């Protein structure tokens, strides 16, 4: 598995985590629990953004678009 494949897989993992936290947020009843799920969701979105930036950089280095 090369770096592009690893980054792509990591992005998929981040998206899956986001879906789980969105489910938790939708089901949560207590404000504190909702806040935790929102924070976790935002963390995963930031991770996804970072990974996508790195993936795009690697593709450019390798001559892909």
C-alpha atoms as a PDB file:
ATOM      1  CA  UNK A   1       0.000   0.000   0.000  1.00  0.00           C
ATOM      2  CA  UNK A   2       1.467   3.351  -0.999  1.00  0.00           C
ATOM      3  CA  UNK A   3       1.028   6.715   0.700  1.00  0.00           C
ATOM      4  CA  UNK A   4      -1.837   7.801  -1.570  1.00  0.00           C
ATOM      5  CA  UNK A   5      -3.744   4.619  -0.735  1.00  0.00           C
ATOM      6  CA  UNK A   6      -3.069   5.044   2.978  1.00  0.00           C
ATOM      7  CA  UNK A   7      -4.249   8.653   2.940  1.00  0.00           C
ATOM      8  CA  UNK A   8      -7.353   7.696   0.959  1.00  0.00           C
ATOM      9  CA  UNK A   9      -8.150   4.975   3.460  1.00  0.00           C
ATOM     10  CA  UNK A  10      -7.597   7.364   6.365  1.00  0.00           C
ATOM     11  CA  UNK A  11     -10.020   9.839   4.781  1.00  0.00           C
ATOM     12  CA  UNK A  12     -12.637   7.097   4.541  1.00  0.00           C
ATOM     13  CA  UNK A  13     -12.062   6.321   8.230  1.00  0.00           C
ATOM     14  CA  UNK A  14     -12.523   9.980   9.160  1.00  0.00           C
ATOM     15  CA  UNK A  15     -15.773  10.125   7.189  1.00  0.00           C
ATOM     16  CA  UNK A  16     -17.032   6.972   8.905  1.00  0.00           C
ATOM     17  CA  UNK A  17     -16.227   8.473  12.305  1.00  0.00           C
ATOM     18  CA  UNK A  18     -18.112  11.620  11.332  1.00  0.00           C
ATOM     19  CA  UNK A  19     -21.190   9.563  10.510  1.00  0.00           C
ATOM     20  CA  UNK A  20     -21.007   7.821  13.896  1.00  0.00           C
ATOM     21  CA  UNK A  21     -20.717  11.123  15.745  1.00  0.00           C
ATOM     22  CA  UNK A  22     -23.573  12.605  13.706  1.00  0.00           C
ATOM     23  CA  UNK A  23     -25.720   9.641  14.771  1.00  0.00           C
ATOM     24  CA  UNK A  24     -24.706  10.135  18.374  1.00  0.00           C
ATOM     25  CA  UNK A  25     -25.491  13.826  18.166  1.00  0.00           C
ATOM     26  CA  UNK A  26     -28.920  13.115  16.694  1.00  0.00           C
ATOM     27  CA  UNK A  27     -29.718  10.612  19.452  1.00  0.00           C
ATOM     28  CA  UNK A  28     -28.215  12.531  22.363  1.00  0.00           C
ATOM     29  CA  UNK A  29     -30.634  14.185  24.729  1.00  0.00           C
ATOM     30  CA  UNK A  30     -28.386  15.876  27.279  1.00  0.00           C
ATOM     31  CA  UNK A  31     -26.755  19.187  26.283  1.00  0.00           C
ATOM     32  CA  UNK A  32     -23.349  18.049  27.555  1.00  0.00           C
ATOM     33  CA  UNK A  33     -23.514  14.878  25.504  1.00  0.00           C
ATOM     34  CA  UNK A  34     -24.513  16.857  22.410  1.00  0.00           C
ATOM     35  CA  UNK A  35     -21.582  19.203  23.010  1.00  0.00           C
ATOM     36  CA  UNK A  36     -19.139  16.288  23.160  1.00  0.00           C
ATOM     37  CA  UNK A  37     -20.482  14.808  19.925  1.00  0.00           C
ATOM     38  CA  UNK A  38     -20.278  18.221  18.217  1.00  0.00           C
ATOM     39  CA  UNK A  39     -16.658  18.615  19.323  1.00  0.00           C
ATOM     40  CA  UNK A  40     -15.755  15.122  18.157  1.00  0.00           C
ATOM     41  CA  UNK A  41     -17.480  15.738  14.831  1.00  0.00           C
ATOM     42  CA  UNK A  42     -15.567  18.981  14.304  1.00  0.00           C
ATOM     43  CA  UNK A  43     -12.292  17.221  15.188  1.00  0.00           C
ATOM     44  CA  UNK A  44     -12.950  14.561  12.564  1.00  0.00           C
ATOM     45  CA  UNK A  45     -13.835  17.192   9.963  1.00  0.00           C
ATOM     46  CA  UNK A  46     -10.514  18.946  10.628  1.00  0.00           C
ATOM     47  CA  UNK A  47      -8.668  15.639  10.351  1.00  0.00           C
ATOM     48  CA  UNK A  48     -10.391  14.959   7.029  1.00  0.00           C
ATOM     49  CA  UNK A  49      -9.422  18.399   5.723  1.00  0.00           C
ATOM     50  CA  UNK A  50      -5.779  17.897   6.694  1.00  0.00           C
ATOM     51  CA  UNK A  51      -5.669  14.452   5.102  1.00  0.00           C
ATOM     52  CA  UNK A  52      -7.305  15.697   1.889  1.00  0.00           C
ATOM     53  CA  UNK A  53      -4.745  18.509   1.669  1.00  0.00           C
ATOM     54  CA  UNK A  54      -1.904  16.043   2.094  1.00  0.00           C
ATOM     55  CA  UNK A  55      -3.450  13.643  -0.413  1.00  0.00           C
ATOM     56  CA  UNK A  56      -3.792  16.415  -2.985  1.00  0.00           C
ATOM     57  CA  UNK A  57      -0.182  17.466  -2.379  1.00  0.00           C
ATOM     58  CA  UNK A  58       1.023  13.898  -2.868  1.00  0.00           C
ATOM     59  CA  UNK A  59      -0.966  13.564  -6.085  1.00  0.00           C
ATOM     60  CA  UNK A  60       0.570  16.780  -7.407  1.00  0.00           C
ATOM     61  CA  UNK A  61       4.037  15.566  -6.517  1.00  0.00           C
ATOM     62  CA  UNK A  62       3.340  12.327  -8.354  1.00  0.00           C
ATOM     63  CA  UNK A  63       1.993  14.232 -11.356  1.00  0.00           C
ATOM     64  CA  UNK A  64      -1.661  13.328 -10.860  1.00  0.00           C
ATOM     65  CA  UNK A  65      -4.560  15.759 -10.696  1.00  0.00           C
END
